[in-house]
Amino acid sequence: MNTETAQIDEILQRFPQIKRNALIPLLQAVQDEFGYISEEAIARIGAHLSLPTSKVFGLATFYNQFSFSRRGVYHITLCNGSSCHLARSGELLGEITKVLEISDGETTRDGLFSLEVQSCIGACGQSPVMAVNGSYYSGINVKEVREIIKQYREDASR
């Protein structure tokens, strides 16, 4: 049994008499532990709940709070809602993908950055908006995006 399997089993043991209606807290516990939900975790959760894997995956994909790939140390969320789009969030996305050499849903090779484009992050009056690990940057431009990424790189090297 590998380390991930053992950790998943440890989480499942914290939910010994879980019912189907407690699937979301179980998925949240796995994501809190790993930062994402792996295929193995979905399969083991399904077995634990006597649910088909497709049902577990179907519910997990319904909610955008769940991620199915490893996130970087610094997870960038870029808003592309109507307000941000009109405020040129597409230019910010272009700069992020150029500087980091990743696209939406990807993580840099060094595991330092990941990128997620969302349809709205709830800060429409401050467009365009980008968040890094929950720290919001509003009304930013392409130059500021470069500086923000540079600062996080420097912080990581300390």
C-alpha atoms as a PDB file:
ATOM      1  CA  MET A   1       0.000   0.000   0.000  1.00  0.00           C
ATOM      2  CA  ASN A   2       1.485   3.356  -1.022  1.00  0.00           C
ATOM      3  CA  THR A   3       1.510   6.486   1.117  1.00  0.00           C
ATOM      4  CA  GLU A   4      -1.452   8.119  -0.653  1.00  0.00           C
ATOM      5  CA  THR A   5      -3.574   4.988  -0.230  1.00  0.00           C
ATOM      6  CA  ALA A   6      -2.729   4.849   3.472  1.00  0.00           C
ATOM      7  CA  GLN A   7      -3.622   8.528   3.914  1.00  0.00           C
ATOM      8  CA  ILE A   8      -6.932   8.057   2.076  1.00  0.00           C
ATOM      9  CA  ASP A   9      -7.742   5.049   4.260  1.00  0.00           C
ATOM     10  CA  GLU A  10      -6.925   7.122   7.352  1.00  0.00           C
ATOM     11  CA  ILE A  11      -9.412   9.780   6.226  1.00  0.00           C
ATOM     12  CA  LEU A  12     -12.057   7.129   5.526  1.00  0.00           C
ATOM     13  CA  GLN A  13     -11.584   5.757   9.051  1.00  0.00           C
ATOM     14  CA  ARG A  14     -12.574   9.182  10.402  1.00  0.00           C
ATOM     15  CA  PHE A  15     -15.962   8.601   8.733  1.00  0.00           C
ATOM     16  CA  PRO A  16     -16.793   5.061   9.937  1.00  0.00           C
ATOM     17  CA  GLN A  17     -20.556   5.245   9.651  1.00  0.00           C
ATOM     18  CA  ILE A  18     -20.838   7.774   6.885  1.00  0.00           C
ATOM     19  CA  LYS A  19     -23.953   7.785   4.771  1.00  0.00           C
ATOM     20  CA  ARG A  20     -24.330   8.899   1.180  1.00  0.00           C
ATOM     21  CA  ASN A  21     -25.554  12.327   2.263  1.00  0.00           C
ATOM     22  CA  ALA A  22     -22.150  12.987   3.883  1.00  0.00           C
ATOM     23  CA  LEU A  23     -20.249  12.493   0.629  1.00  0.00           C
ATOM     24  CA  ILE A  24     -19.351  16.178   0.301  1.00  0.00           C
ATOM     25  CA  PRO A  25     -17.612  16.419   3.719  1.00  0.00           C
ATOM     26  CA  LEU A  26     -15.638  13.301   2.840  1.00  0.00           C
ATOM     27  CA  LEU A  27     -14.560  14.776  -0.499  1.00  0.00           C
ATOM     28  CA  GLN A  28     -13.619  18.003   1.301  1.00  0.00           C
ATOM     29  CA  ALA A  29     -11.491  16.090   3.803  1.00  0.00           C
ATOM     30  CA  VAL A  30      -9.586  14.372   0.989  1.00  0.00           C
ATOM     31  CA  GLN A  31      -9.070  17.640  -0.862  1.00  0.00           C
ATOM     32  CA  ASP A  32      -7.940  19.366   2.344  1.00  0.00           C
ATOM     33  CA  GLU A  33      -5.344  16.652   2.836  1.00  0.00           C
ATOM     34  CA  PHE A  34      -3.971  16.464  -0.720  1.00  0.00           C
ATOM     35  CA  GLY A  35      -5.034  19.724  -2.352  1.00  0.00           C
ATOM     36  CA  TYR A  36      -6.982  17.772  -4.954  1.00  0.00           C
ATOM     37  CA  ILE A  37      -9.005  14.556  -5.366  1.00  0.00           C
ATOM     38  CA  SER A  38      -7.238  11.754  -7.204  1.00  0.00           C
ATOM     39  CA  GLU A  39      -8.840   8.938  -9.209  1.00  0.00           C
ATOM     40  CA  GLU A  40      -7.734   6.525  -6.502  1.00  0.00           C
ATOM     41  CA  ALA A  41      -9.434   8.641  -3.833  1.00  0.00           C
ATOM     42  CA  ILE A  42     -12.683   8.663  -5.816  1.00  0.00           C
ATOM     43  CA  ALA A  43     -12.544   4.881  -6.212  1.00  0.00           C
ATOM     44  CA  ARG A  44     -11.805   4.302  -2.523  1.00  0.00           C
ATOM     45  CA  ILE A  45     -14.552   6.697  -1.438  1.00  0.00           C
ATOM     46  CA  GLY A  46     -17.000   4.894  -3.723  1.00  0.00           C
ATOM     47  CA  ALA A  47     -16.045   1.540  -2.234  1.00  0.00           C
ATOM     48  CA  HIS A  48     -16.334   2.951   1.297  1.00  0.00           C
ATOM     49  CA  LEU A  49     -19.839   4.248   0.600  1.00  0.00           C
ATOM     50  CA  SER A  50     -20.923   1.334  -1.611  1.00  0.00           C
ATOM     51  CA  LEU A  51     -21.446   3.815  -4.458  1.00  0.00           C
ATOM     52  CA  PRO A  52     -20.343   3.481  -8.063  1.00  0.00           C
ATOM     53  CA  THR A  53     -17.251   5.546  -8.838  1.00  0.00           C
ATOM     54  CA  SER A  54     -19.262   7.363 -11.503  1.00  0.00           C
ATOM     55  CA  LYS A  55     -21.686   8.670  -8.861  1.00  0.00           C
ATOM     56  CA  VAL A  56     -18.855   9.983  -6.655  1.00  0.00           C
ATOM     57  CA  PHE A  57     -17.118  11.591  -9.615  1.00  0.00           C
ATOM     58  CA  GLY A  58     -20.396  13.000 -10.929  1.00  0.00           C
ATOM     59  CA  LEU A  59     -21.145  14.741  -7.651  1.00  0.00           C
ATOM     60  CA  ALA A  60     -17.571  15.986  -7.252  1.00  0.00           C
ATOM     61  CA  THR A  61     -17.491  17.481 -10.751  1.00  0.00           C
ATOM     62  CA  PHE A  62     -20.778  19.275 -10.133  1.00  0.00           C
ATOM     63  CA  TYR A  63     -19.105  21.551  -7.563  1.00  0.00           C
ATOM     64  CA  ASN A  64     -16.287  23.783  -8.772  1.00  0.00           C
ATOM     65  CA  GLN A  65     -14.669  23.761  -5.326  1.00  0.00           C
ATOM     66  CA  PHE A  66     -13.172  20.356  -6.060  1.00  0.00           C
ATOM     67  CA  SER A  67      -9.985  19.954  -8.069  1.00  0.00           C
ATOM     68  CA  PHE A  68      -8.810  16.794  -9.783  1.00  0.00           C
ATOM     69  CA  SER A  69      -5.189  17.699 -10.439  1.00  0.00           C
ATOM     70  CA  ARG A  70      -2.366  18.794  -8.182  1.00  0.00           C
ATOM     71  CA  ARG A  71      -2.242  22.488  -7.570  1.00  0.00           C
ATOM     72  CA  GLY A  72       0.918  24.495  -7.400  1.00  0.00           C
ATOM     73  CA  VAL A  73       2.330  25.961  -4.234  1.00  0.00           C
ATOM     74  CA  TYR A  74       0.808  29.212  -5.525  1.00  0.00           C
ATOM     75  CA  HIS A  75      -2.613  28.647  -7.052  1.00  0.00           C
ATOM     76  CA  ILE A  76      -3.647  31.503  -9.326  1.00  0.00           C
ATOM     77  CA  THR A  77      -7.349  32.022  -9.907  1.00  0.00           C
ATOM     78  CA  LEU A  78      -8.235  34.467 -12.654  1.00  0.00           C
ATOM     79  CA  CYS A  79     -11.751  35.801 -13.026  1.00  0.00           C
ATOM     80  CA  ASN A  80     -13.156  35.843 -16.539  1.00  0.00           C
ATOM     81  CA  GLY A  81     -16.713  36.866 -15.655  1.00  0.00           C
ATOM     82  CA  SER A  82     -18.502  39.525 -17.701  1.00  0.00           C
ATOM     83  CA  SER A  83     -17.112  42.476 -15.760  1.00  0.00           C
ATOM     84  CA  CYS A  84     -13.555  41.147 -15.698  1.00  0.00           C
ATOM     85  CA  HIS A  85     -13.750  40.116 -19.333  1.00  0.00           C
ATOM     86  CA  LEU A  86     -14.775  43.647 -20.309  1.00  0.00           C
ATOM     87  CA  ALA A  87     -11.883  44.933 -18.169  1.00  0.00           C
ATOM     88  CA  ARG A  88      -9.476  42.866 -20.297  1.00  0.00           C
ATOM     89  CA  SER A  89      -8.899  39.792 -18.159  1.00  0.00           C
ATOM     90  CA  GLY A  90      -8.062  38.022 -21.423  1.00  0.00           C
ATOM     91  CA  GLU A  91      -4.884  40.104 -21.633  1.00  0.00           C
ATOM     92  CA  LEU A  92      -3.999  39.039 -18.096  1.00  0.00           C
ATOM     93  CA  LEU A  93      -4.604  35.417 -19.008  1.00  0.00           C
ATOM     94  CA  GLY A  94      -2.349  35.800 -22.034  1.00  0.00           C
ATOM     95  CA  GLU A  95       0.426  37.212 -19.869  1.00  0.00           C
ATOM     96  CA  ILE A  96       0.081  34.533 -17.201  1.00  0.00           C
ATOM     97  CA  THR A  97       0.192  31.736 -19.774  1.00  0.00           C
ATOM     98  CA  LYS A  98       3.203  33.348 -21.457  1.00  0.00           C
ATOM     99  CA  VAL A  99       5.173  33.937 -18.246  1.00  0.00           C
ATOM    100  CA  LEU A 100       4.370  30.600 -16.606  1.00  0.00           C
ATOM    101  CA  GLU A 101       4.079  28.521 -19.808  1.00  0.00           C
ATOM    102  CA  ILE A 102       0.859  26.874 -18.602  1.00  0.00           C
ATOM    103  CA  SER A 103      -2.809  27.012 -19.560  1.00  0.00           C
ATOM    104  CA  ASP A 104      -5.999  26.903 -17.533  1.00  0.00           C
ATOM    105  CA  GLY A 105      -6.038  23.812 -15.324  1.00  0.00           C
ATOM    106  CA  GLU A 106      -2.293  23.209 -15.544  1.00  0.00           C
ATOM    107  CA  THR A 107       0.588  23.368 -13.089  1.00  0.00           C
ATOM    108  CA  THR A 108       4.129  24.486 -13.857  1.00  0.00           C
ATOM    109  CA  ARG A 109       6.742  21.737 -14.143  1.00  0.00           C
ATOM    110  CA  ASP A 110       8.399  22.850 -10.922  1.00  0.00           C
ATOM    111  CA  GLY A 111       5.054  22.630  -9.096  1.00  0.00           C
ATOM    112  CA  LEU A 112       5.285  26.261  -8.030  1.00  0.00           C
ATOM    113  CA  PHE A 113       2.258  27.704  -9.881  1.00  0.00           C
ATOM    114  CA  SER A 114      -1.095  26.428 -11.074  1.00  0.00           C
ATOM    115  CA  LEU A 115      -3.758  28.323 -12.981  1.00  0.00           C
ATOM    116  CA  GLU A 116      -7.531  28.203 -12.864  1.00  0.00           C
ATOM    117  CA  VAL A 117      -9.820  30.482 -14.842  1.00  0.00           C
ATOM    118  CA  GLN A 118     -13.249  30.915 -13.257  1.00  0.00           C
ATOM    119  CA  SER A 119     -16.408  32.454 -14.616  1.00  0.00           C
ATOM    120  CA  CYS A 120     -16.751  34.683 -11.532  1.00  0.00           C
ATOM    121  CA  ILE A 121     -14.929  35.048  -8.232  1.00  0.00           C
ATOM    122  CA  GLY A 122     -17.372  37.568  -6.782  1.00  0.00           C
ATOM    123  CA  ALA A 123     -15.430  40.822  -7.005  1.00  0.00           C
ATOM    124  CA  CYS A 124     -17.096  42.372 -10.040  1.00  0.00           C
ATOM    125  CA  GLY A 125     -16.706  45.954  -8.850  1.00  0.00           C
ATOM    126  CA  GLN A 126     -12.926  45.545  -8.745  1.00  0.00           C
ATOM    127  CA  SER A 127     -12.324  44.156 -12.235  1.00  0.00           C
ATOM    128  CA  PRO A 128     -10.138  42.602 -13.434  1.00  0.00           C
ATOM    129  CA  VAL A 129      -9.409  40.364 -10.465  1.00  0.00           C
ATOM    130  CA  MET A 130      -6.842  37.668  -9.832  1.00  0.00           C
ATOM    131  CA  ALA A 131      -6.284  35.709  -6.630  1.00  0.00           C
ATOM    132  CA  VAL A 132      -3.214  33.812  -5.484  1.00  0.00           C
ATOM    133  CA  ASN A 133      -3.951  31.355  -2.669  1.00  0.00           C
ATOM    134  CA  GLY A 134      -6.914  33.494  -1.669  1.00  0.00           C
ATOM    135  CA  SER A 135      -5.087  36.856  -1.714  1.00  0.00           C
ATOM    136  CA  TYR A 136      -6.956  39.117  -4.142  1.00  0.00           C
ATOM    137  CA  TYR A 137      -5.395  41.541  -6.606  1.00  0.00           C
ATOM    138  CA  SER A 138      -7.936  43.890  -8.138  1.00  0.00           C
ATOM    139  CA  GLY A 139      -7.854  46.415 -10.950  1.00  0.00           C
ATOM    140  CA  ILE A 140      -4.546  44.994 -12.130  1.00  0.00           C
ATOM    141  CA  ASN A 141      -2.831  45.235 -15.489  1.00  0.00           C
ATOM    142  CA  VAL A 142      -0.358  43.085 -17.424  1.00  0.00           C
ATOM    143  CA  LYS A 143       2.701  44.744 -15.870  1.00  0.00           C
ATOM    144  CA  GLU A 144       1.344  44.177 -12.365  1.00  0.00           C
ATOM    145  CA  VAL A 145       0.663  40.502 -13.154  1.00  0.00           C
ATOM    146  CA  ARG A 146       4.331  40.061 -14.100  1.00  0.00           C
ATOM    147  CA  GLU A 147       5.409  41.760 -10.859  1.00  0.00           C
ATOM    148  CA  ILE A 148       3.075  39.647  -8.723  1.00  0.00           C
ATOM    149  CA  ILE A 149       4.376  36.410 -10.253  1.00  0.00           C
ATOM    150  CA  LYS A 150       7.973  37.630  -9.857  1.00  0.00           C
ATOM    151  CA  GLN A 151       7.342  38.367  -6.167  1.00  0.00           C
ATOM    152  CA  TYR A 152       5.909  34.906  -5.522  1.00  0.00           C
ATOM    153  CA  ARG A 153       8.915  33.332  -7.269  1.00  0.00           C
ATOM    154  CA  GLU A 154      11.246  35.339  -5.065  1.00  0.00           C
ATOM    155  CA  ASP A 155       9.307  34.361  -1.954  1.00  0.00           C
ATOM    156  CA  ALA A 156       9.583  30.697  -2.934  1.00  0.00           C
ATOM    157  CA  SER A 157      13.349  30.898  -3.321  1.00  0.00           C
ATOM    158  CA  ARG A 158      13.849  32.180   0.247  1.00  0.00           C
END
